[in-house]
PDB file of all heavy atoms in Angstrom:
ATOM      1  N   VAL A   1       9.891  -4.459  -4.471  1.00  0.00           N
ATOM      2  CA  VAL A   1       9.818  -3.322  -3.552  1.00  0.00           C
ATOM      3  C   VAL A   1      10.052  -3.725  -2.100  1.00  0.00           C
ATOM      4  O   VAL A   1      10.157  -2.858  -1.231  1.00  0.00           O
ATOM      5  CB  VAL A   1       8.457  -2.597  -3.667  1.00  0.00           C
ATOM      6  CG1 VAL A   1       8.172  -2.214  -5.114  1.00  0.00           C
ATOM      7  CG2 VAL A   1       7.321  -3.417  -3.089  1.00  0.00           C
ATOM      8  N   LYS A   2      10.134  -5.008  -1.828  1.00  0.00           N
ATOM      9  CA  LYS A   2      10.292  -5.488  -0.459  1.00  0.00           C
ATOM     10  C   LYS A   2      11.570  -4.916   0.143  1.00  0.00           C
ATOM     11  O   LYS A   2      12.638  -4.937  -0.472  1.00  0.00           O
ATOM     12  CB  LYS A   2      10.313  -7.005  -0.430  1.00  0.00           C
ATOM     13  CG  LYS A   2      10.128  -7.619   0.940  1.00  0.00           C
ATOM     14  CD  LYS A   2       9.924  -9.119   0.835  1.00  0.00           C
ATOM     15  CE  LYS A   2       8.621  -9.490   0.187  1.00  0.00           C
ATOM     16  NZ  LYS A   2       8.352 -10.947   0.211  1.00  0.00           N
ATOM     17  N   GLY A   3      11.420  -4.396   1.353  1.00  0.00           N
ATOM     18  CA  GLY A   3      12.559  -3.790   2.021  1.00  0.00           C
ATOM     19  C   GLY A   3      12.724  -2.313   1.734  1.00  0.00           C
ATOM     20  O   GLY A   3      13.483  -1.619   2.428  1.00  0.00           O
ATOM     21  N   ARG A   4      12.020  -1.812   0.717  1.00  0.00           N
ATOM     22  CA  ARG A   4      12.097  -0.377   0.374  1.00  0.00           C
ATOM     23  C   ARG A   4      10.765   0.334   0.615  1.00  0.00           C
ATOM     24  O   ARG A   4      10.750   1.510   0.970  1.00  0.00           O
ATOM     25  CB  ARG A   4      12.497  -0.207  -1.092  1.00  0.00           C
ATOM     26  CG  ARG A   4      13.844  -0.800  -1.453  1.00  0.00           C
ATOM     27  CD  ARG A   4      14.258  -0.414  -2.872  1.00  0.00           C
ATOM     28  NE  ARG A   4      13.339  -0.937  -3.883  1.00  0.00           N
ATOM     29  CZ  ARG A   4      12.693  -0.160  -4.763  1.00  0.00           C
ATOM     30  NH1 ARG A   4      12.861   1.152  -4.755  1.00  0.00           N
ATOM     31  NH2 ARG A   4      11.879  -0.708  -5.668  1.00  0.00           N
ATOM     32  N   PHE A   5       9.671  -0.357   0.400  1.00  0.00           N
ATOM     33  CA  PHE A   5       8.335   0.230   0.537  1.00  0.00           C
ATOM     34  C   PHE A   5       7.654  -0.342   1.781  1.00  0.00           C
ATOM     35  O   PHE A   5       7.851  -1.508   2.128  1.00  0.00           O
ATOM     36  CB  PHE A   5       7.465  -0.086  -0.680  1.00  0.00           C
ATOM     37  CG  PHE A   5       7.863   0.587  -1.961  1.00  0.00           C
ATOM     38  CD1 PHE A   5       9.074   1.270  -2.088  1.00  0.00           C
ATOM     39  CD2 PHE A   5       7.027   0.536  -3.065  1.00  0.00           C
ATOM     40  CE1 PHE A   5       9.438   1.884  -3.278  1.00  0.00           C
ATOM     41  CE2 PHE A   5       7.368   1.144  -4.257  1.00  0.00           C
ATOM     42  CZ  PHE A   5       8.581   1.814  -4.364  1.00  0.00           C
ATOM     43  N   THR A   6       6.806   0.481   2.401  1.00  0.00           N
ATOM     44  CA  THR A   6       6.032   0.041   3.556  1.00  0.00           C
ATOM     45  C   THR A   6       4.594   0.511   3.415  1.00  0.00           C
ATOM     46  O   THR A   6       4.350   1.710   3.201  1.00  0.00           O
ATOM     47  CB  THR A   6       6.622   0.585   4.862  1.00  0.00           C
ATOM     48  OG1 THR A   6       7.986   0.180   4.986  1.00  0.00           O
ATOM     49  CG2 THR A   6       5.836   0.066   6.061  1.00  0.00           C
ATOM     50  N   ILE A   7       3.654  -0.418   3.545  1.00  0.00           N
ATOM     51  CA  ILE A   7       2.237  -0.077   3.514  1.00  0.00           C
ATOM     52  C   ILE A   7       1.718  -0.025   4.943  1.00  0.00           C
ATOM     53  O   ILE A   7       2.099  -0.835   5.788  1.00  0.00           O
ATOM     54  CB  ILE A   7       1.434  -1.083   2.657  1.00  0.00           C
ATOM     55  CG1 ILE A   7      -0.001  -0.610   2.466  1.00  0.00           C
ATOM     56  CG2 ILE A   7       1.488  -2.489   3.251  1.00  0.00           C
ATOM     57  CD1 ILE A   7      -0.785  -1.445   1.433  1.00  0.00           C
ATOM     58  N   SER A   8       0.850   0.954   5.207  1.00  0.00           N
ATOM     59  CA  SER A   8       0.286   1.092   6.547  1.00  0.00           C
ATOM     60  C   SER A   8      -1.090   1.747   6.431  1.00  0.00           C
ATOM     61  O   SER A   8      -1.464   2.237   5.361  1.00  0.00           O
ATOM     62  CB  SER A   8       1.198   1.927   7.446  1.00  0.00           C
ATOM     63  OG  SER A   8       1.348   3.235   6.932  1.00  0.00           O
ATOM     64  N   LYS A   9      -1.822   1.751   7.542  1.00  0.00           N
ATOM     65  CA  LYS A   9      -3.146   2.373   7.504  1.00  0.00           C
ATOM     66  C   LYS A   9      -3.437   3.089   8.803  1.00  0.00           C
ATOM     67  O   LYS A   9      -2.948   2.704   9.868  1.00  0.00           O
ATOM     68  CB  LYS A   9      -4.223   1.346   7.188  1.00  0.00           C
ATOM     69  CG  LYS A   9      -4.387   0.241   8.192  1.00  0.00           C
ATOM     70  CD  LYS A   9      -5.319  -0.855   7.683  1.00  0.00           C
ATOM     71  CE  LYS A   9      -6.652  -0.345   7.244  1.00  0.00           C
ATOM     72  NZ  LYS A   9      -7.570  -1.413   6.823  1.00  0.00           N
ATOM     73  N   ASP A  10      -4.218   4.142   8.685  1.00  0.00           N
ATOM     74  CA  ASP A  10      -4.671   4.925   9.817  1.00  0.00           C
ATOM     75  C   ASP A  10      -6.189   4.832   9.837  1.00  0.00           C
ATOM     76  O   ASP A  10      -6.870   5.440   9.017  1.00  0.00           O
ATOM     77  CB  ASP A  10      -4.200   6.379   9.673  1.00  0.00           C
ATOM     78  CG  ASP A  10      -4.565   7.231  10.877  1.00  0.00           C
ATOM     79  OD1 ASP A  10      -5.608   6.995  11.516  1.00  0.00           O
ATOM     80  OD2 ASP A  10      -3.785   8.155  11.179  1.00  0.00           O
ATOM     81  N   TYR A  11      -6.721   4.060  10.802  1.00  0.00           N
ATOM     82  CA  TYR A  11      -8.170   3.835  10.852  1.00  0.00           C
ATOM     83  C   TYR A  11      -8.924   5.131  11.115  1.00  0.00           C
ATOM     84  O   TYR A  11      -9.985   5.358  10.542  1.00  0.00           O
ATOM     85  CB  TYR A  11      -8.497   2.821  11.941  1.00  0.00           C
ATOM     86  CG  TYR A  11      -8.079   1.421  11.607  1.00  0.00           C
ATOM     87  CD1 TYR A  11      -6.848   0.920  12.013  1.00  0.00           C
ATOM     88  CD2 TYR A  11      -8.917   0.578  10.885  1.00  0.00           C
ATOM     89  CE1 TYR A  11      -6.462  -0.370  11.708  1.00  0.00           C
ATOM     90  CE2 TYR A  11      -8.547  -0.714  10.571  1.00  0.00           C
ATOM     91  CZ  TYR A  11      -7.314  -1.182  10.982  1.00  0.00           C
ATOM     92  OH  TYR A  11      -6.941  -2.458  10.678  1.00  0.00           O
ATOM     93  N   ALA A  12      -8.389   5.946  11.970  1.00  0.00           N
ATOM     94  CA  ALA A  12      -9.094   7.178  12.340  1.00  0.00           C
ATOM     95  C   ALA A  12      -9.271   8.100  11.140  1.00  0.00           C
ATOM     96  O   ALA A  12     -10.259   8.822  11.035  1.00  0.00           O
ATOM     97  CB  ALA A  12      -8.343   7.897  13.447  1.00  0.00           C
ATOM     98  N   LYS A  13      -8.309   8.056  10.213  1.00  0.00           N
ATOM     99  CA  LYS A  13      -8.358   8.933   9.049  1.00  0.00           C
ATOM    100  C   LYS A  13      -8.866   8.204   7.802  1.00  0.00           C
ATOM    101  O   LYS A  13      -8.936   8.809   6.731  1.00  0.00           O
ATOM    102  CB  LYS A  13      -6.968   9.511   8.767  1.00  0.00           C
ATOM    103  CG  LYS A  13      -6.439  10.405   9.868  1.00  0.00           C
ATOM    104  CD  LYS A  13      -5.080  10.976   9.504  1.00  0.00           C
ATOM    105  CE  LYS A  13      -4.568  11.902  10.595  1.00  0.00           C
ATOM    106  NZ  LYS A  13      -3.238  12.462  10.275  1.00  0.00           N
ATOM    107  N   ASN A  14      -9.203   6.916   7.929  1.00  0.00           N
ATOM    108  CA  ASN A  14      -9.632   6.115   6.764  1.00  0.00           C
ATOM    109  C   ASN A  14      -8.639   6.259   5.614  1.00  0.00           C
ATOM    110  O   ASN A  14      -9.024   6.472   4.457  1.00  0.00           O
ATOM    111  CB  ASN A  14     -11.028   6.536   6.315  1.00  0.00           C
ATOM    112  CG  ASN A  14     -12.089   6.121   7.298  1.00  0.00           C
ATOM    113  OD1 ASN A  14     -12.026   5.047   7.889  1.00  0.00           O
ATOM    114  ND2 ASN A  14     -13.075   6.990   7.494  1.00  0.00           N
ATOM    115  N   THR A  15      -7.380   6.166   5.944  1.00  0.00           N
ATOM    116  CA  THR A  15      -6.323   6.418   4.956  1.00  0.00           C
ATOM    117  C   THR A  15      -5.293   5.299   4.985  1.00  0.00           C
ATOM    118  O   THR A  15      -4.920   4.819   6.061  1.00  0.00           O
ATOM    119  CB  THR A  15      -5.650   7.766   5.225  1.00  0.00           C
ATOM    120  OG1 THR A  15      -6.620   8.809   5.137  1.00  0.00           O
ATOM    121  CG2 THR A  15      -4.541   8.038   4.221  1.00  0.00           C
ATOM    122  N   VAL A  16      -4.866   4.908   3.802  1.00  0.00           N
ATOM    123  CA  VAL A  16      -3.789   3.936   3.639  1.00  0.00           C
ATOM    124  C   VAL A  16      -2.587   4.667   3.048  1.00  0.00           C
ATOM    125  O   VAL A  16      -2.755   5.521   2.169  1.00  0.00           O
ATOM    126  CB  VAL A  16      -4.213   2.771   2.734  1.00  0.00           C
ATOM    127  CG1 VAL A  16      -3.043   1.849   2.453  1.00  0.00           C
ATOM    128  CG2 VAL A  16      -5.342   1.993   3.384  1.00  0.00           C
ATOM    129  N   TYR A  17      -1.408   4.320   3.509  1.00  0.00           N
ATOM    130  CA  TYR A  17      -0.185   4.974   3.066  1.00  0.00           C
ATOM    131  C   TYR A  17       0.755   3.971   2.390  1.00  0.00           C
ATOM    132  O   TYR A  17       0.729   2.777   2.683  1.00  0.00           O
ATOM    133  CB  TYR A  17       0.536   5.610   4.251  1.00  0.00           C
ATOM    134  CG  TYR A  17      -0.284   6.611   5.008  1.00  0.00           C
ATOM    135  CD1 TYR A  17      -0.934   6.258   6.190  1.00  0.00           C
ATOM    136  CD2 TYR A  17      -0.412   7.917   4.551  1.00  0.00           C
ATOM    137  CE1 TYR A  17      -1.696   7.176   6.889  1.00  0.00           C
ATOM    138  CE2 TYR A  17      -1.176   8.847   5.242  1.00  0.00           C
ATOM    139  CZ  TYR A  17      -1.811   8.469   6.409  1.00  0.00           C
ATOM    140  OH  TYR A  17      -2.568   9.385   7.083  1.00  0.00           O
ATOM    141  N   LEU A  18       1.570   4.507   1.510  1.00  0.00           N
ATOM    142  CA  LEU A  18       2.664   3.734   0.937  1.00  0.00           C
ATOM    143  C   LEU A  18       3.923   4.581   1.054  1.00  0.00           C
ATOM    144  O   LEU A  18       4.082   5.568   0.335  1.00  0.00           O
ATOM    145  CB  LEU A  18       2.400   3.366  -0.518  1.00  0.00           C
ATOM    146  CG  LEU A  18       3.451   2.452  -1.154  1.00  0.00           C
ATOM    147  CD1 LEU A  18       3.400   1.057  -0.518  1.00  0.00           C
ATOM    148  CD2 LEU A  18       3.257   2.340  -2.670  1.00  0.00           C
ATOM    149  N   GLN A  19       4.767   4.226   2.009  1.00  0.00           N
ATOM    150  CA  GLN A  19       6.047   4.900   2.185  1.00  0.00           C
ATOM    151  C   GLN A  19       7.055   4.257   1.246  1.00  0.00           C
ATOM    152  O   GLN A  19       7.286   3.044   1.323  1.00  0.00           O
ATOM    153  CB  GLN A  19       6.523   4.787   3.631  1.00  0.00           C
ATOM    154  CG  GLN A  19       7.875   5.418   3.891  1.00  0.00           C
ATOM    155  CD  GLN A  19       7.860   6.933   3.726  1.00  0.00           C
ATOM    156  OE1 GLN A  19       6.951   7.603   4.188  1.00  0.00           O
ATOM    157  NE2 GLN A  19       8.887   7.460   3.062  1.00  0.00           N
ATOM    158  N   MET A  20       7.628   5.066   0.369  1.00  0.00           N
ATOM    159  CA  MET A  20       8.555   4.555  -0.636  1.00  0.00           C
ATOM    160  C   MET A  20       9.926   5.170  -0.413  1.00  0.00           C
ATOM    161  O   MET A  20      10.089   6.392  -0.518  1.00  0.00           O
ATOM    162  CB  MET A  20       8.035   4.885  -2.039  1.00  0.00           C
ATOM    163  CG  MET A  20       6.620   4.406  -2.308  1.00  0.00           C
ATOM    164  SD  MET A  20       6.075   4.649  -4.001  1.00  0.00           S
ATOM    165  CE  MET A  20       6.096   6.419  -4.110  1.00  0.00           C
ATOM    166  N   ASN A  21      10.887   4.337  -0.085  1.00  0.00           N
ATOM    167  CA  ASN A  21      12.265   4.777   0.149  1.00  0.00           C
ATOM    168  C   ASN A  21      13.192   4.178  -0.896  1.00  0.00           C
ATOM    169  O   ASN A  21      12.836   3.214  -1.575  1.00  0.00           O
ATOM    170  CB  ASN A  21      12.716   4.359   1.551  1.00  0.00           C
ATOM    171  CG  ASN A  21      11.873   4.968   2.652  1.00  0.00           C
ATOM    172  OD1 ASN A  21      11.358   6.088   2.530  1.00  0.00           O
ATOM    173  ND2 ASN A  21      11.720   4.236   3.736  1.00  0.00           N
ATOM    174  N   SER A  22      14.374   4.739  -1.001  1.00  0.00           N
ATOM    175  CA  SER A  22      15.395   4.243  -1.941  1.00  0.00           C
ATOM    176  C   SER A  22      14.806   4.061  -3.335  1.00  0.00           C
ATOM    177  O   SER A  22      14.990   3.008  -3.975  1.00  0.00           O
ATOM    178  CB  SER A  22      15.979   2.921  -1.432  1.00  0.00           C
ATOM    179  OG  SER A  22      16.542   3.077  -0.150  1.00  0.00           O
ATOM    180  N   LEU A  23      14.108   5.076  -3.793  1.00  0.00           N
ATOM    181  CA  LEU A  23      13.421   4.968  -5.072  1.00  0.00           C
ATOM    182  C   LEU A  23      14.397   4.820  -6.234  1.00  0.00           C
ATOM    183  O   LEU A  23      15.506   5.379  -6.209  1.00  0.00           O
ATOM    184  CB  LEU A  23      12.523   6.187  -5.282  1.00  0.00           C
ATOM    185  CG  LEU A  23      11.208   6.129  -4.489  1.00  0.00           C
ATOM    186  CD1 LEU A  23      10.593   7.510  -4.353  1.00  0.00           C
ATOM    187  CD2 LEU A  23      10.230   5.171  -5.146  1.00  0.00           C
ATOM    188  N   LYS A  24      13.956   4.067  -7.231  1.00  0.00           N
ATOM    189  CA  LYS A  24      14.755   3.793  -8.420  1.00  0.00           C
ATOM    190  C   LYS A  24      13.990   4.285  -9.657  1.00  0.00           C
ATOM    191  O   LYS A  24      12.753   4.350  -9.632  1.00  0.00           O
ATOM    192  CB  LYS A  24      14.994   2.285  -8.555  1.00  0.00           C
ATOM    193  CG  LYS A  24      15.643   1.636  -7.343  1.00  0.00           C
ATOM    194  CD  LYS A  24      15.712   0.126  -7.515  1.00  0.00           C
ATOM    195  CE  LYS A  24      16.320  -0.547  -6.299  1.00  0.00           C
ATOM    196  NZ  LYS A  24      16.390  -2.016  -6.457  1.00  0.00           N
ATOM    197  N   PRO A  25      14.694   4.562 -10.742  1.00  0.00           N
ATOM    198  CA  PRO A  25      13.988   4.982 -11.963  1.00  0.00           C
ATOM    199  C   PRO A  25      12.936   3.974 -12.413  1.00  0.00           C
ATOM    200  O   PRO A  25      11.895   4.372 -12.961  1.00  0.00           O
ATOM    201  CB  PRO A  25      15.122   5.105 -12.981  1.00  0.00           C
ATOM    202  CG  PRO A  25      16.314   5.467 -12.157  1.00  0.00           C
ATOM    203  CD  PRO A  25      16.154   4.686 -10.876  1.00  0.00           C
ATOM    204  N   GLU A  26      13.163   2.710 -12.159  1.00  0.00           N
ATOM    205  CA  GLU A  26      12.186   1.686 -12.560  1.00  0.00           C
ATOM    206  C   GLU A  26      10.919   1.688 -11.703  1.00  0.00           C
ATOM    207  O   GLU A  26       9.968   0.968 -12.003  1.00  0.00           O
ATOM    208  CB  GLU A  26      12.813   0.290 -12.561  1.00  0.00           C
ATOM    209  CG  GLU A  26      13.536  -0.078 -11.287  1.00  0.00           C
ATOM    210  CD  GLU A  26      15.035   0.161 -11.391  1.00  0.00           C
ATOM    211  OE1 GLU A  26      15.438   1.235 -11.913  1.00  0.00           O
ATOM    212  OE2 GLU A  26      15.796  -0.704 -10.908  1.00  0.00           O
ATOM    213  N   ASP A  27      10.902   2.493 -10.657  1.00  0.00           N
ATOM    214  CA  ASP A  27       9.679   2.664  -9.867  1.00  0.00           C
ATOM    215  C   ASP A  27       8.736   3.690 -10.509  1.00  0.00           C
ATOM    216  O   ASP A  27       7.618   3.881 -10.028  1.00  0.00           O
ATOM    217  CB  ASP A  27      10.009   3.117  -8.446  1.00  0.00           C
ATOM    218  CG  ASP A  27      10.766   2.066  -7.653  1.00  0.00           C
ATOM    219  OD1 ASP A  27      10.410   0.870  -7.757  1.00  0.00           O
ATOM    220  OD2 ASP A  27      11.715   2.441  -6.939  1.00  0.00           O
ATOM    221  N   THR A  28       9.181   4.349 -11.545  1.00  0.00           N
ATOM    222  CA  THR A  28       8.350   5.337 -12.227  1.00  0.00           C
ATOM    223  C   THR A  28       7.099   4.693 -12.800  1.00  0.00           C
ATOM    224  O   THR A  28       7.175   3.703 -13.539  1.00  0.00           O
ATOM    225  CB  THR A  28       9.148   6.011 -13.360  1.00  0.00           C
ATOM    226  OG1 THR A  28      10.228   6.755 -12.797  1.00  0.00           O
ATOM    227  CG2 THR A  28       8.264   6.945 -14.167  1.00  0.00           C
ATOM    228  N   ALA A  29       5.949   5.231 -12.428  1.00  0.00           N
ATOM    229  CA  ALA A  29       4.664   4.667 -12.859  1.00  0.00           C
ATOM    230  C   ALA A  29       3.543   5.522 -12.290  1.00  0.00           C
ATOM    231  O   ALA A  29       3.769   6.393 -11.443  1.00  0.00           O
ATOM    232  CB  ALA A  29       4.508   3.225 -12.379  1.00  0.00           C
ATOM    233  N   VAL A  30       2.332   5.237 -12.738  1.00  0.00           N
ATOM    234  CA  VAL A  30       1.140   5.742 -12.063  1.00  0.00           C
ATOM    235  C   VAL A  30       0.777   4.723 -10.995  1.00  0.00           C
ATOM    236  O   VAL A  30       0.670   3.526 -11.279  1.00  0.00           O
ATOM    237  CB  VAL A  30      -0.030   5.931 -13.046  1.00  0.00           C
ATOM    238  CG1 VAL A  30      -1.269   6.409 -12.298  1.00  0.00           C
ATOM    239  CG2 VAL A  30       0.344   6.933 -14.132  1.00  0.00           C
ATOM    240  N   TYR A  31       0.622   5.213  -9.772  1.00  0.00           N
ATOM    241  CA  TYR A  31       0.314   4.345  -8.638  1.00  0.00           C
ATOM    242  C   TYR A  31      -1.176   4.449  -8.310  1.00  0.00           C
ATOM    243  O   TYR A  31      -1.715   5.556  -8.174  1.00  0.00           O
ATOM    244  CB  TYR A  31       1.161   4.736  -7.431  1.00  0.00           C
ATOM    245  CG  TYR A  31       2.579   4.235  -7.548  1.00  0.00           C
ATOM    246  CD1 TYR A  31       3.455   4.795  -8.471  1.00  0.00           C
ATOM    247  CD2 TYR A  31       3.036   3.188  -6.746  1.00  0.00           C
ATOM    248  CE1 TYR A  31       4.751   4.319  -8.595  1.00  0.00           C
ATOM    249  CE2 TYR A  31       4.334   2.713  -6.865  1.00  0.00           C
ATOM    250  CZ  TYR A  31       5.186   3.281  -7.793  1.00  0.00           C
ATOM    251  OH  TYR A  31       6.470   2.805  -7.919  1.00  0.00           O
ATOM    252  N   TYR A  32      -1.796   3.274  -8.152  1.00  0.00           N
ATOM    253  CA  TYR A  32      -3.220   3.191  -7.894  1.00  0.00           C
ATOM    254  C   TYR A  32      -3.479   2.522  -6.551  1.00  0.00           C
ATOM    255  O   TYR A  32      -2.843   1.523  -6.210  1.00  0.00           O
ATOM    256  CB  TYR A  32      -3.916   2.373  -8.978  1.00  0.00           C
ATOM    257  CG  TYR A  32      -3.855   2.972 -10.355  1.00  0.00           C
ATOM    258  CD1 TYR A  32      -2.825   2.651 -11.225  1.00  0.00           C
ATOM    259  CD2 TYR A  32      -4.842   3.856 -10.794  1.00  0.00           C
ATOM    260  CE1 TYR A  32      -2.763   3.190 -12.497  1.00  0.00           C
ATOM    261  CE2 TYR A  32      -4.794   4.399 -12.066  1.00  0.00           C
ATOM    262  CZ  TYR A  32      -3.750   4.068 -12.907  1.00  0.00           C
ATOM    263  OH  TYR A  32      -3.689   4.607 -14.169  1.00  0.00           O
ATOM    264  N   CYS A  33      -4.466   3.052  -5.863  1.00  0.00           N
ATOM    265  CA  CYS A  33      -4.962   2.447  -4.634  1.00  0.00           C
ATOM    266  C   CYS A  33      -6.184   1.613  -4.983  1.00  0.00           C
ATOM    267  O   CYS A  33      -6.975   1.998  -5.862  1.00  0.00           O
ATOM    268  CB  CYS A  33      -5.321   3.560  -3.657  1.00  0.00           C
ATOM    269  SG  CYS A  33      -6.062   3.014  -2.125  1.00  0.00           S
ATOM    270  N   ALA A  34      -6.348   0.482  -4.304  1.00  0.00           N
ATOM    271  CA  ALA A  34      -7.488  -0.398  -4.567  1.00  0.00           C
ATOM    272  C   ALA A  34      -8.054  -0.920  -3.257  1.00  0.00           C
ATOM    273  O   ALA A  34      -7.333  -1.034  -2.258  1.00  0.00           O
ATOM    274  CB  ALA A  34      -7.062  -1.564  -5.455  1.00  0.00           C
ATOM    275  N   ALA A  35      -9.356  -1.257  -3.292  1.00  0.00           N
ATOM    276  CA  ALA A  35     -10.026  -1.763  -2.093  1.00  0.00           C
ATOM    277  C   ALA A  35     -10.954  -2.907  -2.468  1.00  0.00           C
ATOM    278  O   ALA A  35     -11.550  -2.927  -3.552  1.00  0.00           O
ATOM    279  CB  ALA A  35     -10.824  -0.648  -1.415  1.00  0.00           C
ATOM    280  N   GLN A  36     -11.055  -3.848  -1.552  1.00  0.00           N
ATOM    281  CA  GLN A  36     -11.968  -4.965  -1.732  1.00  0.00           C
ATOM    282  C   GLN A  36     -12.638  -5.266  -0.403  1.00  0.00           C
ATOM    283  O   GLN A  36     -11.955  -5.466   0.606  1.00  0.00           O
ATOM    284  CB  GLN A  36     -11.235  -6.201  -2.240  1.00  0.00           C
ATOM    285  CG  GLN A  36     -12.093  -7.445  -2.323  1.00  0.00           C
ATOM    286  CD  GLN A  36     -13.287  -7.255  -3.250  1.00  0.00           C
ATOM    287  OE1 GLN A  36     -13.260  -6.449  -4.173  1.00  0.00           O
ATOM    288  NE2 GLN A  36     -14.339  -8.001  -3.001  1.00  0.00           N
ATOM    289  N   GLN A  37     -13.969  -5.307  -0.427  1.00  0.00           N
ATOM    290  CA  GLN A  37     -14.704  -5.602   0.792  1.00  0.00           C
ATOM    291  C   GLN A  37     -14.466  -7.052   1.190  1.00  0.00           C
ATOM    292  O   GLN A  37     -14.463  -7.952   0.347  1.00  0.00           O
ATOM    293  CB  GLN A  37     -16.198  -5.350   0.580  1.00  0.00           C
ATOM    294  CG  GLN A  37     -16.995  -5.373   1.868  1.00  0.00           C
ATOM    295  CD  GLN A  37     -18.412  -4.859   1.673  1.00  0.00           C
ATOM    296  OE1 GLN A  37     -18.792  -4.455   0.581  1.00  0.00           O
ATOM    297  NE2 GLN A  37     -19.192  -4.870   2.725  1.00  0.00           N
ATOM    298  N   VAL A  38     -14.233  -7.260   2.471  1.00  0.00           N
ATOM    299  CA  VAL A  38     -13.942  -8.600   2.986  1.00  0.00           C
ATOM    300  C   VAL A  38     -14.802  -8.881   4.204  1.00  0.00           C
ATOM    301  O   VAL A  38     -15.351  -7.974   4.822  1.00  0.00           O
ATOM    302  CB  VAL A  38     -12.451  -8.747   3.352  1.00  0.00           C
ATOM    303  CG1 VAL A  38     -11.574  -8.657   2.123  1.00  0.00           C
ATOM    304  CG2 VAL A  38     -12.033  -7.690   4.376  1.00  0.00           C
ATOM    305  N   SER A  39     -14.888 -10.165   4.532  1.00  0.00           N
ATOM    306  CA  SER A  39     -15.728 -10.570   5.653  1.00  0.00           C
ATOM    307  C   SER A  39     -14.944 -10.716   6.947  1.00  0.00           C
ATOM    308  O   SER A  39     -15.522 -10.867   8.008  1.00  0.00           O
ATOM    309  CB  SER A  39     -16.417 -11.891   5.331  1.00  0.00           C
ATOM    310  OG  SER A  39     -15.447 -12.887   5.049  1.00  0.00           O
ATOM    311  N   GLY A  40     -13.636 -10.679   6.842  1.00  0.00           N
ATOM    312  CA  GLY A  40     -12.827 -10.864   8.033  1.00  0.00           C
ATOM    313  C   GLY A  40     -11.592  -9.992   8.005  1.00  0.00           C
ATOM    314  O   GLY A  40     -11.296  -9.362   6.994  1.00  0.00           O
ATOM    315  N   GLY A  41     -10.863  -9.979   9.105  1.00  0.00           N
ATOM    316  CA  GLY A  41      -9.750  -9.068   9.229  1.00  0.00           C
ATOM    317  C   GLY A  41      -8.467  -9.493   8.564  1.00  0.00           C
ATOM    318  O   GLY A  41      -7.587  -8.674   8.378  1.00  0.00           O
ATOM    319  N   GLY A  42      -8.323 -10.770   8.190  1.00  0.00           N
ATOM    320  CA  GLY A  42      -7.031 -11.251   7.736  1.00  0.00           C
ATOM    321  C   GLY A  42      -6.825 -11.330   6.245  1.00  0.00           C
ATOM    322  O   GLY A  42      -5.721 -11.576   5.773  1.00  0.00           O
ATOM    323  N   TRP A  43      -7.875 -11.063   5.470  1.00  0.00           N
ATOM    324  CA  TRP A  43      -7.766 -11.202   4.019  1.00  0.00           C
ATOM    325  C   TRP A  43      -6.891 -10.108   3.425  1.00  0.00           C
ATOM    326  O   TRP A  43      -6.990  -8.950   3.804  1.00  0.00           O
ATOM    327  CB  TRP A  43      -9.144 -11.123   3.366  1.00  0.00           C
ATOM    328  CG  TRP A  43     -10.003 -12.307   3.639  1.00  0.00           C
ATOM    329  CD1 TRP A  43     -10.983 -12.417   4.575  1.00  0.00           C
ATOM    330  CD2 TRP A  43      -9.980 -13.561   2.942  1.00  0.00           C
ATOM    331  NE1 TRP A  43     -11.567 -13.655   4.529  1.00  0.00           N
ATOM    332  CE2 TRP A  43     -10.976 -14.371   3.541  1.00  0.00           C
ATOM    333  CE3 TRP A  43      -9.220 -14.062   1.886  1.00  0.00           C
ATOM    334  CZ2 TRP A  43     -11.224 -15.674   3.111  1.00  0.00           C
ATOM    335  CZ3 TRP A  43      -9.472 -15.365   1.443  1.00  0.00           C
ATOM    336  CH2 TRP A  43     -10.464 -16.158   2.058  1.00  0.00           C
ATOM    337  N   LEU A  44      -6.041 -10.495   2.458  1.00  0.00           N
ATOM    338  CA  LEU A  44      -5.326  -9.533   1.644  1.00  0.00           C
ATOM    339  C   LEU A  44      -5.049 -10.165   0.295  1.00  0.00           C
ATOM    340  O   LEU A  44      -4.955 -11.383   0.191  1.00  0.00           O
ATOM    341  CB  LEU A  44      -4.023  -9.032   2.302  1.00  0.00           C
ATOM    342  CG  LEU A  44      -2.830  -9.955   2.457  1.00  0.00           C
ATOM    343  CD1 LEU A  44      -1.589  -9.125   2.773  1.00  0.00           C
ATOM    344  CD2 LEU A  44      -3.045 -10.969   3.524  1.00  0.00           C
ATOM    345  N   PHE A  45      -4.936  -9.329  -0.738  1.00  0.00           N
ATOM    346  CA  PHE A  45      -4.900  -9.815  -2.115  1.00  0.00           C
ATOM    347  C   PHE A  45      -3.782  -9.143  -2.898  1.00  0.00           C
ATOM    348  O   PHE A  45      -3.575  -7.943  -2.782  1.00  0.00           O
ATOM    349  CB  PHE A  45      -6.234  -9.521  -2.808  1.00  0.00           C
ATOM    350  CG  PHE A  45      -7.436  -9.972  -2.033  1.00  0.00           C
ATOM    351  CD1 PHE A  45      -8.169  -9.054  -1.282  1.00  0.00           C
ATOM    352  CD2 PHE A  45      -7.829 -11.286  -2.039  1.00  0.00           C
ATOM    353  CE1 PHE A  45      -9.276  -9.449  -0.558  1.00  0.00           C
ATOM    354  CE2 PHE A  45      -8.942 -11.699  -1.322  1.00  0.00           C
ATOM    355  CZ  PHE A  45      -9.669 -10.778  -0.580  1.00  0.00           C
ATOM    356  N   SER A  46      -3.106  -9.938  -3.729  1.00  0.00           N
ATOM    357  CA  SER A  46      -2.073  -9.397  -4.606  1.00  0.00           C
ATOM    358  C   SER A  46      -2.511  -9.402  -6.070  1.00  0.00           C
ATOM    359  O   SER A  46      -1.791  -8.871  -6.912  1.00  0.00           O
ATOM    360  CB  SER A  46      -0.779 -10.185  -4.455  1.00  0.00           C
ATOM    361  OG  SER A  46      -0.993 -11.550  -4.794  1.00  0.00           O
TER     362      SER A  46
END
């Protein structure tokens, strides 16, 4: 999805977005949002 999708967040709205462009049939799926509590600002998980 690199180069086609963009993840972003709006702190004021407590909302995370996934902008999906140039969609392909193989992108068809159920999409899930996930969260993990962290102790610092730089952690991210795949």
